[in-house]
Amino acid sequence: MSTPSHTPPSIVTEAATFIGIDYHKKYSVYHAVDAAGSELGKGRIEHHSPHDFATLVKRWSNARVVFEASMNWHWLYEVLEQSMPGEHITLANAYKTRIIAEAQVKTDKIDARILALLLRAGLVSSVHIPCKETRQRKEVLRQRCFFVRQRTMLRNRIHRLLGAQHDLKLPQCSDLFGKKGMGFLEKLELPAPAGLLLKQQLDMLKNVQARIKEDEAALVQMMSTTEAQQHVLSIPGMGPILAAVVVSEIDGISRFNSAQKLCGYIGLCPSTSSSGGKTYNGKLMKHCNKWLRWAFVEAAWVAMGCDSYCPGLSPYGVLFNEALRASQVATSAVETTSTD
């Protein structure tokens, strides 16, 4: 998803045409109104004829376009950008444009018309549109994250498969999927069908690992060492990949008015409900940038074990180990009581 902009679009006072587009996978429905709100035109454009969008925006002078941020929104943005200034294109926050979702009568034509009228009134909650280089970098980062999740799933399935075998002794190594462990697994012969399943999982694991390395090599070429990157790397637990995710998703700290705005966008703030003098803080906010939250949560787990500012075990790690020992003591006490 695209990152939100915290500066709402201003009301356009000069004579302009406002075009709302209800964007779908294979086609789009548009509705155009003038500065007075009168209808100028409406219709449907098939995506196999993208040049029709150029004809649309050139049909009226000073055209302004709005459509909702949905899957592959950048395709339509790149098509429109070829025929009009990028600042005349507004990407609407789909969640905050609730007037459409809550309408009792909802059609493509109505959605397009409402978007055009909201743009005319300056009431569209827009989201930030990063440059093409940033969008491409984010795609590679997210692809790598996807493959890492696949790798974790495969490793868990292999652990489960090995754990179901009787009298199987695994080699003494810190990482079962390191050089020594993989050498053991590739030579391991298990009875059918476990042997077949293990071979399939190992083949997929090596393939996924190769894809991860390809993405990381591409990121080295795409990421430049910037001041923002260095600042993020100074945060405990942040590595090159997590820092790249943070820098790409934030895409310029200057677009946030305050630290509170940034924390809310990341989703690290609890939801708050205050009424009648009573305030309740609940779970973390749902509607946020999930990639940023993931990066900071992962960094927090790393910081619990080590901290670049402190030699040896970090204060976070001390607290974590103390809590872990307390949990183990409590578990032992419960087991002893149940045995007695």
C-alpha atoms as a PDB file:
ATOM      1  CA  MET A   1       0.000   0.000   0.000  1.00  0.00           C
ATOM      2  CA  SER A   2       1.081   3.577  -0.657  1.00  0.00           C
ATOM      3  CA  THR A   3       2.136   5.807   2.224  1.00  0.00           C
ATOM      4  CA  PRO A   4      -0.352   8.459   3.425  1.00  0.00           C
ATOM      5  CA  SER A   5       0.181  12.149   3.035  1.00  0.00           C
ATOM      6  CA  HIS A   6      -0.811  14.272   6.007  1.00  0.00           C
ATOM      7  CA  THR A   7      -1.464  17.405   3.935  1.00  0.00           C
ATOM      8  CA  PRO A   8      -5.053  17.373   2.630  1.00  0.00           C
ATOM      9  CA  PRO A   9      -5.573  18.583  -0.921  1.00  0.00           C
ATOM     10  CA  SER A  10      -6.505  22.246  -1.128  1.00  0.00           C
ATOM     11  CA  ILE A  11      -9.683  23.467  -2.759  1.00  0.00           C
ATOM     12  CA  VAL A  12      -9.063  24.491  -6.353  1.00  0.00           C
ATOM     13  CA  THR A  13     -10.490  27.947  -6.925  1.00  0.00           C
ATOM     14  CA  GLU A  14      -9.456  28.349 -10.571  1.00  0.00           C
ATOM     15  CA  ALA A  15     -11.651  26.964 -13.332  1.00  0.00           C
ATOM     16  CA  ALA A  16     -10.967  23.250 -13.458  1.00  0.00           C
ATOM     17  CA  THR A  17     -12.471  19.918 -14.399  1.00  0.00           C
ATOM     18  CA  PHE A  18     -12.702  17.212 -11.764  1.00  0.00           C
ATOM     19  CA  ILE A  19     -12.679  13.598 -12.908  1.00  0.00           C
ATOM     20  CA  GLY A  20     -13.453  10.740 -10.546  1.00  0.00           C
ATOM     21  CA  ILE A  21     -12.334   7.287 -11.679  1.00  0.00           C
ATOM     22  CA  ASP A  22     -13.633   4.054 -10.192  1.00  0.00           C
ATOM     23  CA  TYR A  23     -10.633   1.853 -10.952  1.00  0.00           C
ATOM     24  CA  HIS A  24     -11.047  -1.895 -11.491  1.00  0.00           C
ATOM     25  CA  LYS A  25      -8.852  -4.708 -12.733  1.00  0.00           C
ATOM     26  CA  LYS A  26      -9.927  -4.730 -16.389  1.00  0.00           C
ATOM     27  CA  TYR A  27     -11.874  -1.496 -16.783  1.00  0.00           C
ATOM     28  CA  SER A  28     -12.531   1.891 -15.172  1.00  0.00           C
ATOM     29  CA  VAL A  29     -15.631   4.062 -14.899  1.00  0.00           C
ATOM     30  CA  TYR A  30     -15.214   7.857 -14.917  1.00  0.00           C
ATOM     31  CA  HIS A  31     -17.399  10.852 -14.108  1.00  0.00           C
ATOM     32  CA  ALA A  32     -16.384  14.466 -14.844  1.00  0.00           C
ATOM     33  CA  VAL A  33     -17.826  17.628 -13.273  1.00  0.00           C
ATOM     34  CA  ASP A  34     -16.934  21.300 -13.596  1.00  0.00           C
ATOM     35  CA  ALA A  35     -16.133  23.821 -10.860  1.00  0.00           C
ATOM     36  CA  ALA A  36     -19.868  24.355 -10.240  1.00  0.00           C
ATOM     37  CA  GLY A  37     -20.494  20.625  -9.820  1.00  0.00           C
ATOM     38  CA  SER A  38     -22.372  20.248 -13.104  1.00  0.00           C
ATOM     39  CA  GLU A  39     -21.898  17.033 -15.033  1.00  0.00           C
ATOM     40  CA  LEU A  40     -19.587  17.210 -18.038  1.00  0.00           C
ATOM     41  CA  GLY A  41     -19.368  13.590 -19.038  1.00  0.00           C
ATOM     42  CA  LYS A  42     -19.207   9.987 -17.899  1.00  0.00           C
ATOM     43  CA  GLY A  43     -18.323   6.647 -19.374  1.00  0.00           C
ATOM     44  CA  ARG A  44     -16.227   3.509 -19.217  1.00  0.00           C
ATOM     45  CA  ILE A  45     -12.673   2.818 -20.384  1.00  0.00           C
ATOM     46  CA  GLU A  46     -11.324  -0.670 -21.048  1.00  0.00           C
ATOM     47  CA  HIS A  47      -7.770  -1.161 -19.854  1.00  0.00           C
ATOM     48  CA  HIS A  48      -6.663  -2.807 -23.088  1.00  0.00           C
ATOM     49  CA  SER A  49      -6.966   0.703 -24.597  1.00  0.00           C
ATOM     50  CA  PRO A  50      -4.908   2.833 -22.166  1.00  0.00           C
ATOM     51  CA  HIS A  51      -4.642   5.670 -24.723  1.00  0.00           C
ATOM     52  CA  ASP A  52      -8.303   6.413 -23.965  1.00  0.00           C
ATOM     53  CA  PHE A  53      -7.196   7.818 -20.598  1.00  0.00           C
ATOM     54  CA  ALA A  54      -5.011  10.361 -22.429  1.00  0.00           C
ATOM     55  CA  THR A  55      -7.989  11.339 -24.553  1.00  0.00           C
ATOM     56  CA  LEU A  56     -10.087  11.705 -21.397  1.00  0.00           C
ATOM     57  CA  VAL A  57      -7.790  14.060 -19.476  1.00  0.00           C
ATOM     58  CA  LYS A  58      -7.151  16.188 -22.585  1.00  0.00           C
ATOM     59  CA  ARG A  59     -10.851  16.493 -23.318  1.00  0.00           C
ATOM     60  CA  TRP A  60     -11.257  19.333 -20.794  1.00  0.00           C
ATOM     61  CA  SER A  61      -8.864  22.054 -19.707  1.00  0.00           C
ATOM     62  CA  ASN A  62      -7.076  21.973 -16.347  1.00  0.00           C
ATOM     63  CA  ALA A  63      -8.217  18.427 -15.556  1.00  0.00           C
ATOM     64  CA  ARG A  64      -7.795  17.028 -12.029  1.00  0.00           C
ATOM     65  CA  VAL A  65      -8.146  13.279 -11.503  1.00  0.00           C
ATOM     66  CA  VAL A  66      -8.842  11.207  -8.393  1.00  0.00           C
ATOM     67  CA  PHE A  67      -9.049   7.452  -7.894  1.00  0.00           C
ATOM     68  CA  GLU A  68      -8.729   5.166  -4.898  1.00  0.00           C
ATOM     69  CA  ALA A  69      -5.513   3.435  -3.844  1.00  0.00           C
ATOM     70  CA  SER A  70      -6.104  -0.222  -4.632  1.00  0.00           C
ATOM     71  CA  MET A  71      -4.074  -3.125  -5.945  1.00  0.00           C
ATOM     72  CA  ASN A  72      -1.856  -2.052  -8.863  1.00  0.00           C
ATOM     73  CA  TRP A  73      -2.907   1.593  -8.546  1.00  0.00           C
ATOM     74  CA  HIS A  74       0.485   2.553  -9.972  1.00  0.00           C
ATOM     75  CA  TRP A  75      -0.516   1.176 -13.401  1.00  0.00           C
ATOM     76  CA  LEU A  76      -3.231   3.806 -13.789  1.00  0.00           C
ATOM     77  CA  TYR A  77      -1.024   6.495 -12.246  1.00  0.00           C
ATOM     78  CA  GLU A  78       1.766   5.816 -14.741  1.00  0.00           C
ATOM     79  CA  VAL A  79      -0.724   5.918 -17.628  1.00  0.00           C
ATOM     80  CA  LEU A  80      -2.191   9.245 -16.468  1.00  0.00           C
ATOM     81  CA  GLU A  81       1.214  10.734 -15.670  1.00  0.00           C
ATOM     82  CA  GLN A  82       2.146  10.552 -19.350  1.00  0.00           C
ATOM     83  CA  SER A  83      -0.674  12.949 -20.244  1.00  0.00           C
ATOM     84  CA  MET A  84      -0.962  15.315 -17.262  1.00  0.00           C
ATOM     85  CA  PRO A  85       1.142  16.738 -14.393  1.00  0.00           C
ATOM     86  CA  GLY A  86       1.598  14.361 -11.490  1.00  0.00           C
ATOM     87  CA  GLU A  87       0.427  17.008  -9.011  1.00  0.00           C
ATOM     88  CA  HIS A  88      -2.981  16.983 -10.708  1.00  0.00           C
ATOM     89  CA  ILE A  89      -3.463  13.299  -9.832  1.00  0.00           C
ATOM     90  CA  THR A  90      -4.884  12.497  -6.391  1.00  0.00           C
ATOM     91  CA  LEU A  91      -4.712   9.027  -4.878  1.00  0.00           C
ATOM     92  CA  ALA A  92      -7.561   8.662  -2.387  1.00  0.00           C
ATOM     93  CA  ASN A  93      -7.279   6.740   0.869  1.00  0.00           C
ATOM     94  CA  ALA A  94      -9.793   3.935   0.302  1.00  0.00           C
ATOM     95  CA  TYR A  95     -10.420   3.379   4.010  1.00  0.00           C
ATOM     96  CA  LYS A  96     -11.111   7.028   4.793  1.00  0.00           C
ATOM     97  CA  THR A  97     -13.384   7.537   1.792  1.00  0.00           C
ATOM     98  CA  ARG A  98     -16.175   5.939   3.809  1.00  0.00           C
ATOM     99  CA  ILE A  99     -19.021   7.855   2.220  1.00  0.00           C
ATOM    100  CA  ILE A 100     -18.834   5.406  -0.697  1.00  0.00           C
ATOM    101  CA  ALA A 101     -18.592   2.285   1.420  1.00  0.00           C
ATOM    102  CA  GLU A 102     -21.552   3.321   3.582  1.00  0.00           C
ATOM    103  CA  ALA A 103     -23.828   4.296   0.696  1.00  0.00           C
ATOM    104  CA  GLN A 104     -27.040   2.265   0.481  1.00  0.00           C
ATOM    105  CA  VAL A 105     -26.987   2.457  -3.316  1.00  0.00           C
ATOM    106  CA  LYS A 106     -23.469   1.705  -4.549  1.00  0.00           C
ATOM    107  CA  THR A 107     -22.491   1.328  -8.199  1.00  0.00           C
ATOM    108  CA  ASP A 108     -19.398   2.088 -10.237  1.00  0.00           C
ATOM    109  CA  LYS A 109     -21.032   5.197 -11.693  1.00  0.00           C
ATOM    110  CA  ILE A 110     -22.029   6.519  -8.259  1.00  0.00           C
ATOM    111  CA  ASP A 111     -18.555   5.848  -6.846  1.00  0.00           C
ATOM    112  CA  ALA A 112     -16.905   7.766  -9.703  1.00  0.00           C
ATOM    113  CA  ARG A 113     -19.298  10.698  -9.307  1.00  0.00           C
ATOM    114  CA  ILE A 114     -18.808  10.939  -5.541  1.00  0.00           C
ATOM    115  CA  LEU A 115     -15.021  10.883  -5.956  1.00  0.00           C
ATOM    116  CA  ALA A 116     -15.240  13.746  -8.459  1.00  0.00           C
ATOM    117  CA  LEU A 117     -17.455  15.807  -6.132  1.00  0.00           C
ATOM    118  CA  LEU A 118     -15.183  15.146  -3.138  1.00  0.00           C
ATOM    119  CA  LEU A 119     -12.163  16.280  -5.160  1.00  0.00           C
ATOM    120  CA  ARG A 120     -14.018  19.426  -6.220  1.00  0.00           C
ATOM    121  CA  ALA A 121     -14.768  20.241  -2.566  1.00  0.00           C
ATOM    122  CA  GLY A 122     -11.209  19.470  -1.427  1.00  0.00           C
ATOM    123  CA  LEU A 123     -12.457  16.689   0.872  1.00  0.00           C
ATOM    124  CA  VAL A 124     -10.401  13.792  -0.461  1.00  0.00           C
ATOM    125  CA  SER A 125      -8.116  12.138   2.093  1.00  0.00           C
ATOM    126  CA  SER A 126      -5.122  11.532  -0.137  1.00  0.00           C
ATOM    127  CA  VAL A 127      -2.177   9.189   0.208  1.00  0.00           C
ATOM    128  CA  HIS A 128       1.435   9.859  -0.662  1.00  0.00           C
ATOM    129  CA  ILE A 129       2.627   8.836  -4.119  1.00  0.00           C
ATOM    130  CA  PRO A 130       6.331   7.897  -4.085  1.00  0.00           C
ATOM    131  CA  CYS A 131       8.538   8.300  -7.127  1.00  0.00           C
ATOM    132  CA  LYS A 132       8.987   5.413  -9.558  1.00  0.00           C
ATOM    133  CA  GLU A 133      12.426   4.454  -8.202  1.00  0.00           C
ATOM    134  CA  THR A 134      11.032   4.171  -4.679  1.00  0.00           C
ATOM    135  CA  ARG A 135       8.060   2.141  -5.885  1.00  0.00           C
ATOM    136  CA  GLN A 136      10.359  -0.298  -7.663  1.00  0.00           C
ATOM    137  CA  ARG A 137      12.621  -0.610  -4.614  1.00  0.00           C
ATOM    138  CA  LYS A 138       9.625  -1.301  -2.401  1.00  0.00           C
ATOM    139  CA  GLU A 139       8.477  -4.061  -4.748  1.00  0.00           C
ATOM    140  CA  VAL A 140      11.858  -5.811  -4.508  1.00  0.00           C
ATOM    141  CA  LEU A 141      11.903  -5.453  -0.706  1.00  0.00           C
ATOM    142  CA  ARG A 142       8.416  -6.879  -0.390  1.00  0.00           C
ATOM    143  CA  GLN A 143       9.285  -9.727  -2.752  1.00  0.00           C
ATOM    144  CA  ARG A 144      12.246 -10.584  -0.548  1.00  0.00           C
ATOM    145  CA  CYS A 145      10.039 -10.488   2.549  1.00  0.00           C
ATOM    146  CA  PHE A 146       7.619 -12.857   0.822  1.00  0.00           C
ATOM    147  CA  PHE A 147      10.395 -15.333   0.018  1.00  0.00           C
ATOM    148  CA  VAL A 148      11.751 -15.136   3.584  1.00  0.00           C
ATOM    149  CA  ARG A 149       8.313 -16.096   4.892  1.00  0.00           C
ATOM    150  CA  GLN A 150       8.219 -18.996   2.450  1.00  0.00           C
ATOM    151  CA  ARG A 151      11.650 -20.081   3.686  1.00  0.00           C
ATOM    152  CA  THR A 152      10.465 -20.017   7.300  1.00  0.00           C
ATOM    153  CA  MET A 153       7.403 -22.103   6.405  1.00  0.00           C
ATOM    154  CA  LEU A 154       9.562 -24.682   4.618  1.00  0.00           C
ATOM    155  CA  ARG A 155      11.983 -24.912   7.534  1.00  0.00           C
ATOM    156  CA  ASN A 156       9.108 -25.442   9.940  1.00  0.00           C
ATOM    157  CA  ARG A 157       7.703 -28.210   7.758  1.00  0.00           C
ATOM    158  CA  ILE A 158      11.106 -29.914   7.678  1.00  0.00           C
ATOM    159  CA  HIS A 159      11.385 -29.686  11.462  1.00  0.00           C
ATOM    160  CA  ARG A 160       7.915 -31.192  11.762  1.00  0.00           C
ATOM    161  CA  LEU A 161       8.789 -34.006   9.348  1.00  0.00           C
ATOM    162  CA  LEU A 162      12.013 -34.858  11.193  1.00  0.00           C
ATOM    163  CA  GLY A 163      10.284 -34.704  14.572  1.00  0.00           C
ATOM    164  CA  ALA A 164       7.823 -37.387  13.454  1.00  0.00           C
ATOM    165  CA  GLN A 165      10.622 -39.893  12.775  1.00  0.00           C
ATOM    166  CA  HIS A 166      11.526 -42.516  15.373  1.00  0.00           C
ATOM    167  CA  ASP A 167      15.125 -42.964  16.595  1.00  0.00           C
ATOM    168  CA  LEU A 168      16.440 -40.194  14.351  1.00  0.00           C
ATOM    169  CA  LYS A 169      19.592 -38.484  15.637  1.00  0.00           C
ATOM    170  CA  LEU A 170      20.293 -35.041  14.258  1.00  0.00           C
ATOM    171  CA  PRO A 171      23.833 -33.646  14.006  1.00  0.00           C
ATOM    172  CA  GLN A 172      25.102 -31.331  16.731  1.00  0.00           C
ATOM    173  CA  CYS A 173      25.141 -27.959  14.997  1.00  0.00           C
ATOM    174  CA  SER A 174      23.868 -24.493  15.812  1.00  0.00           C
ATOM    175  CA  ASP A 175      21.943 -24.210  12.531  1.00  0.00           C
ATOM    176  CA  LEU A 176      20.308 -27.260  11.009  1.00  0.00           C
ATOM    177  CA  PHE A 177      20.057 -25.393   7.712  1.00  0.00           C
ATOM    178  CA  GLY A 178      23.688 -24.323   7.645  1.00  0.00           C
ATOM    179  CA  LYS A 179      26.412 -26.051   5.634  1.00  0.00           C
ATOM    180  CA  LYS A 180      26.827 -28.997   8.016  1.00  0.00           C
ATOM    181  CA  GLY A 181      23.109 -29.447   8.634  1.00  0.00           C
ATOM    182  CA  MET A 182      22.150 -29.270   4.951  1.00  0.00           C
ATOM    183  CA  GLY A 183      24.840 -31.801   4.103  1.00  0.00           C
ATOM    184  CA  PHE A 184      23.287 -34.184   6.638  1.00  0.00           C
ATOM    185  CA  LEU A 185      19.719 -33.598   5.396  1.00  0.00           C
ATOM    186  CA  GLU A 186      20.638 -34.141   1.738  1.00  0.00           C
ATOM    187  CA  LYS A 187      22.212 -37.538   2.565  1.00  0.00           C
ATOM    188  CA  LEU A 188      19.457 -38.566   4.977  1.00  0.00           C
ATOM    189  CA  GLU A 189      17.322 -41.494   3.811  1.00  0.00           C
ATOM    190  CA  LEU A 190      13.857 -41.730   5.320  1.00  0.00           C
ATOM    191  CA  PRO A 191      11.174 -44.352   4.718  1.00  0.00           C
ATOM    192  CA  ALA A 192       8.461 -43.549   2.183  1.00  0.00           C
ATOM    193  CA  PRO A 193       6.697 -41.202   1.897  1.00  0.00           C
ATOM    194  CA  ALA A 194       8.790 -39.093   4.313  1.00  0.00           C
ATOM    195  CA  GLY A 195      11.870 -39.422   2.089  1.00  0.00           C
ATOM    196  CA  LEU A 196      10.005 -37.997  -0.913  1.00  0.00           C
ATOM    197  CA  LEU A 197       8.555 -35.129   1.128  1.00  0.00           C
ATOM    198  CA  LEU A 198      11.959 -34.242   2.578  1.00  0.00           C
ATOM    199  CA  LYS A 199      13.549 -34.159  -0.873  1.00  0.00           C
ATOM    200  CA  GLN A 200      10.783 -31.901  -2.226  1.00  0.00           C
ATOM    201  CA  GLN A 201      11.054 -29.522   0.705  1.00  0.00           C
ATOM    202  CA  LEU A 202      14.839 -29.308   0.468  1.00  0.00           C
ATOM    203  CA  ASP A 203      14.660 -28.588  -3.271  1.00  0.00           C
ATOM    204  CA  MET A 204      12.128 -25.812  -2.669  1.00  0.00           C
ATOM    205  CA  LEU A 205      14.188 -24.439   0.206  1.00  0.00           C
ATOM    206  CA  LYS A 206      17.313 -24.149  -1.955  1.00  0.00           C
ATOM    207  CA  ASN A 207      15.289 -22.525  -4.732  1.00  0.00           C
ATOM    208  CA  VAL A 208      13.753 -19.951  -2.358  1.00  0.00           C
ATOM    209  CA  GLN A 209      17.161 -19.229  -0.847  1.00  0.00           C
ATOM    210  CA  ALA A 210      18.544 -18.541  -4.323  1.00  0.00           C
ATOM    211  CA  ARG A 211      15.689 -16.104  -5.015  1.00  0.00           C
ATOM    212  CA  ILE A 212      16.384 -14.289  -1.742  1.00  0.00           C
ATOM    213  CA  LYS A 213      20.031 -13.815  -2.714  1.00  0.00           C
ATOM    214  CA  GLU A 214      18.980 -12.485  -6.130  1.00  0.00           C
ATOM    215  CA  ASP A 215      16.713  -9.902  -4.502  1.00  0.00           C
ATOM    216  CA  GLU A 216      19.425  -8.874  -2.050  1.00  0.00           C
ATOM    217  CA  ALA A 217      21.890  -8.406  -4.916  1.00  0.00           C
ATOM    218  CA  ALA A 218      19.327  -6.238  -6.718  1.00  0.00           C
ATOM    219  CA  LEU A 219      18.795  -4.170  -3.569  1.00  0.00           C
ATOM    220  CA  VAL A 220      22.525  -3.473  -3.296  1.00  0.00           C
ATOM    221  CA  GLN A 221      22.323  -1.830  -6.726  1.00  0.00           C
ATOM    222  CA  MET A 222      19.084   0.039  -5.917  1.00  0.00           C
ATOM    223  CA  MET A 223      19.906   1.316  -2.418  1.00  0.00           C
ATOM    224  CA  SER A 224      22.238   4.229  -1.967  1.00  0.00           C
ATOM    225  CA  THR A 225      23.890   5.128   1.321  1.00  0.00           C
ATOM    226  CA  THR A 226      21.977   8.212   2.392  1.00  0.00           C
ATOM    227  CA  GLU A 227      21.867  10.197   5.612  1.00  0.00           C
ATOM    228  CA  ALA A 228      18.404   8.780   6.331  1.00  0.00           C
ATOM    229  CA  GLN A 229      19.754   5.243   5.921  1.00  0.00           C
ATOM    230  CA  GLN A 230      22.558   5.947   8.388  1.00  0.00           C
ATOM    231  CA  HIS A 231      20.123   7.399  10.924  1.00  0.00           C
ATOM    232  CA  VAL A 232      17.888   4.321  10.764  1.00  0.00           C
ATOM    233  CA  LEU A 233      20.872   1.951  11.002  1.00  0.00           C
ATOM    234  CA  SER A 234      21.794   3.623  14.304  1.00  0.00           C
ATOM    235  CA  ILE A 235      18.553   2.318  15.864  1.00  0.00           C
ATOM    236  CA  PRO A 236      19.207  -0.808  18.000  1.00  0.00           C
ATOM    237  CA  GLY A 237      18.230  -3.956  16.114  1.00  0.00           C
ATOM    238  CA  MET A 238      18.123  -2.354  12.659  1.00  0.00           C
ATOM    239  CA  GLY A 239      20.065  -4.086   9.902  1.00  0.00           C
ATOM    240  CA  PRO A 240      20.546  -3.184   6.224  1.00  0.00           C
ATOM    241  CA  ILE A 241      17.326  -4.851   5.039  1.00  0.00           C
ATOM    242  CA  LEU A 242      15.091  -3.501   7.823  1.00  0.00           C
ATOM    243  CA  ALA A 243      16.637  -0.054   7.400  1.00  0.00           C
ATOM    244  CA  ALA A 244      15.935  -0.194   3.663  1.00  0.00           C
ATOM    245  CA  VAL A 245      12.300  -1.071   4.382  1.00  0.00           C
ATOM    246  CA  VAL A 246      11.951   1.826   6.840  1.00  0.00           C
ATOM    247  CA  VAL A 247      13.569   4.409   4.550  1.00  0.00           C
ATOM    248  CA  SER A 248      11.560   3.281   1.507  1.00  0.00           C
ATOM    249  CA  GLU A 249       8.217   3.171   3.309  1.00  0.00           C
ATOM    250  CA  ILE A 250       8.654   6.523   5.075  1.00  0.00           C
ATOM    251  CA  ASP A 251       9.995   8.097   1.859  1.00  0.00           C
ATOM    252  CA  GLY A 252      10.973  11.409   3.387  1.00  0.00           C
ATOM    253  CA  ILE A 253      10.553  12.265   7.060  1.00  0.00           C
ATOM    254  CA  SER A 254       9.654  15.858   6.176  1.00  0.00           C
ATOM    255  CA  ARG A 255       6.139  14.877   5.109  1.00  0.00           C
ATOM    256  CA  PHE A 256       5.218  14.148   8.744  1.00  0.00           C
ATOM    257  CA  ASN A 257       4.378  17.163  10.875  1.00  0.00           C
ATOM    258  CA  SER A 258       5.403  15.576  14.169  1.00  0.00           C
ATOM    259  CA  ALA A 259       6.805  12.457  15.803  1.00  0.00           C
ATOM    260  CA  GLN A 260       3.279  11.574  16.937  1.00  0.00           C
ATOM    261  CA  LYS A 261       2.084  11.572  13.335  1.00  0.00           C
ATOM    262  CA  LEU A 262       4.916   9.249  12.340  1.00  0.00           C
ATOM    263  CA  CYS A 263       4.251   6.865  15.250  1.00  0.00           C
ATOM    264  CA  GLY A 264       0.579   6.756  14.335  1.00  0.00           C
ATOM    265  CA  TYR A 265       1.437   5.971  10.721  1.00  0.00           C
ATOM    266  CA  ILE A 266       3.797   3.187  11.778  1.00  0.00           C
ATOM    267  CA  GLY A 267       1.090   1.783  14.047  1.00  0.00           C
ATOM    268  CA  LEU A 268       3.162   1.683  17.234  1.00  0.00           C
ATOM    269  CA  CYS A 269       0.598   3.732  19.178  1.00  0.00           C
ATOM    270  CA  PRO A 270      -2.292   2.108  21.049  1.00  0.00           C
ATOM    271  CA  SER A 271      -5.827   2.823  19.946  1.00  0.00           C
ATOM    272  CA  THR A 272      -7.472   5.379  22.247  1.00  0.00           C
ATOM    273  CA  SER A 273     -11.103   5.869  23.226  1.00  0.00           C
ATOM    274  CA  SER A 274     -11.915   8.868  25.400  1.00  0.00           C
ATOM    275  CA  SER A 275     -15.398   9.932  26.489  1.00  0.00           C
ATOM    276  CA  GLY A 276     -16.951  11.434  29.611  1.00  0.00           C
ATOM    277  CA  GLY A 277     -13.597  12.056  31.238  1.00  0.00           C
ATOM    278  CA  LYS A 278     -12.541   8.407  30.889  1.00  0.00           C
ATOM    279  CA  THR A 279      -9.766   7.299  28.570  1.00  0.00           C
ATOM    280  CA  TYR A 280      -9.134   3.740  27.449  1.00  0.00           C
ATOM    281  CA  ASN A 281      -6.008   2.641  25.583  1.00  0.00           C
ATOM    282  CA  GLY A 282      -6.519  -0.551  23.633  1.00  0.00           C
ATOM    283  CA  LYS A 283      -4.544  -2.621  21.150  1.00  0.00           C
ATOM    284  CA  LEU A 284      -2.167  -1.215  18.568  1.00  0.00           C
ATOM    285  CA  MET A 285      -3.816   0.675  15.741  1.00  0.00           C
ATOM    286  CA  LYS A 286      -5.057  -1.537  12.927  1.00  0.00           C
ATOM    287  CA  HIS A 287      -4.892   0.879  10.050  1.00  0.00           C
ATOM    288  CA  CYS A 288      -1.214   1.609   9.573  1.00  0.00           C
ATOM    289  CA  ASN A 289       1.687   0.784   7.303  1.00  0.00           C
ATOM    290  CA  LYS A 290       2.080  -2.929   8.017  1.00  0.00           C
ATOM    291  CA  TRP A 291       5.564  -3.074   6.490  1.00  0.00           C
ATOM    292  CA  LEU A 292       6.876  -0.323   8.773  1.00  0.00           C
ATOM    293  CA  ARG A 293       5.359  -1.918  11.860  1.00  0.00           C
ATOM    294  CA  TRP A 294       6.848  -5.281  10.885  1.00  0.00           C
ATOM    295  CA  ALA A 295      10.309  -3.731  10.464  1.00  0.00           C
ATOM    296  CA  PHE A 296      10.246  -2.040  13.871  1.00  0.00           C
ATOM    297  CA  VAL A 297       8.867  -5.132  15.635  1.00  0.00           C
ATOM    298  CA  GLU A 298      11.581  -7.299  14.076  1.00  0.00           C
ATOM    299  CA  ALA A 299      14.219  -4.773  15.134  1.00  0.00           C
ATOM    300  CA  ALA A 300      12.829  -4.814  18.683  1.00  0.00           C
ATOM    301  CA  TRP A 301      13.251  -8.584  18.886  1.00  0.00           C
ATOM    302  CA  VAL A 302      16.860  -8.277  17.695  1.00  0.00           C
ATOM    303  CA  ALA A 303      17.535  -5.455  20.175  1.00  0.00           C
ATOM    304  CA  MET A 304      16.320  -7.690  23.000  1.00  0.00           C
ATOM    305  CA  GLY A 305      19.250  -9.983  22.399  1.00  0.00           C
ATOM    306  CA  CYS A 306      21.962  -7.522  21.432  1.00  0.00           C
ATOM    307  CA  ASP A 307      22.484  -3.786  21.318  1.00  0.00           C
ATOM    308  CA  SER A 308      25.087  -1.966  19.232  1.00  0.00           C
ATOM    309  CA  TYR A 309      25.455   0.654  21.972  1.00  0.00           C
ATOM    310  CA  CYS A 310      26.359  -1.817  24.719  1.00  0.00           C
ATOM    311  CA  PRO A 311      28.962  -4.602  24.664  1.00  0.00           C
ATOM    312  CA  GLY A 312      27.661  -8.032  25.501  1.00  0.00           C
ATOM    313  CA  LEU A 313      24.056  -8.450  26.479  1.00  0.00           C
ATOM    314  CA  SER A 314      21.850  -5.376  26.134  1.00  0.00           C
ATOM    315  CA  PRO A 315      19.504  -4.088  28.862  1.00  0.00           C
ATOM    316  CA  TYR A 316      16.656  -5.323  26.696  1.00  0.00           C
ATOM    317  CA  GLY A 317      18.192  -8.777  26.631  1.00  0.00           C
ATOM    318  CA  VAL A 318      18.684  -8.785  30.425  1.00  0.00           C
ATOM    319  CA  LEU A 319      14.994  -8.044  30.960  1.00  0.00           C
ATOM    320  CA  PHE A 320      14.016 -10.649  28.393  1.00  0.00           C
ATOM    321  CA  ASN A 321      16.186 -13.364  29.968  1.00  0.00           C
ATOM    322  CA  GLU A 322      14.918 -12.533  33.459  1.00  0.00           C
ATOM    323  CA  ALA A 323      11.336 -12.863  32.238  1.00  0.00           C
ATOM    324  CA  LEU A 324      12.220 -16.129  30.493  1.00  0.00           C
ATOM    325  CA  ARG A 325      13.815 -17.555  33.660  1.00  0.00           C
ATOM    326  CA  ALA A 326      10.798 -16.505  35.721  1.00  0.00           C
ATOM    327  CA  SER A 327       8.540 -18.290  33.253  1.00  0.00           C
ATOM    328  CA  GLN A 328      10.670 -21.443  33.429  1.00  0.00           C
ATOM    329  CA  VAL A 329      10.628 -21.405  37.236  1.00  0.00           C
ATOM    330  CA  ALA A 330       6.856 -21.000  37.260  1.00  0.00           C
ATOM    331  CA  THR A 331       6.454 -23.863  34.775  1.00  0.00           C
ATOM    332  CA  SER A 332       8.681 -26.135  36.864  1.00  0.00           C
ATOM    333  CA  ALA A 333       6.698 -25.288  39.998  1.00  0.00           C
ATOM    334  CA  VAL A 334       3.413 -26.155  38.275  1.00  0.00           C
ATOM    335  CA  GLU A 335       4.835 -29.454  36.967  1.00  0.00           C
ATOM    336  CA  THR A 336       6.155 -30.366  40.449  1.00  0.00           C
ATOM    337  CA  THR A 337       2.783 -29.592  42.061  1.00  0.00           C
ATOM    338  CA  SER A 338       0.896 -31.648  39.499  1.00  0.00           C
ATOM    339  CA  THR A 339       3.307 -34.596  39.986  1.00  0.00           C
ATOM    340  CA  ASP A 340       2.899 -34.517  43.758  1.00  0.00           C
END
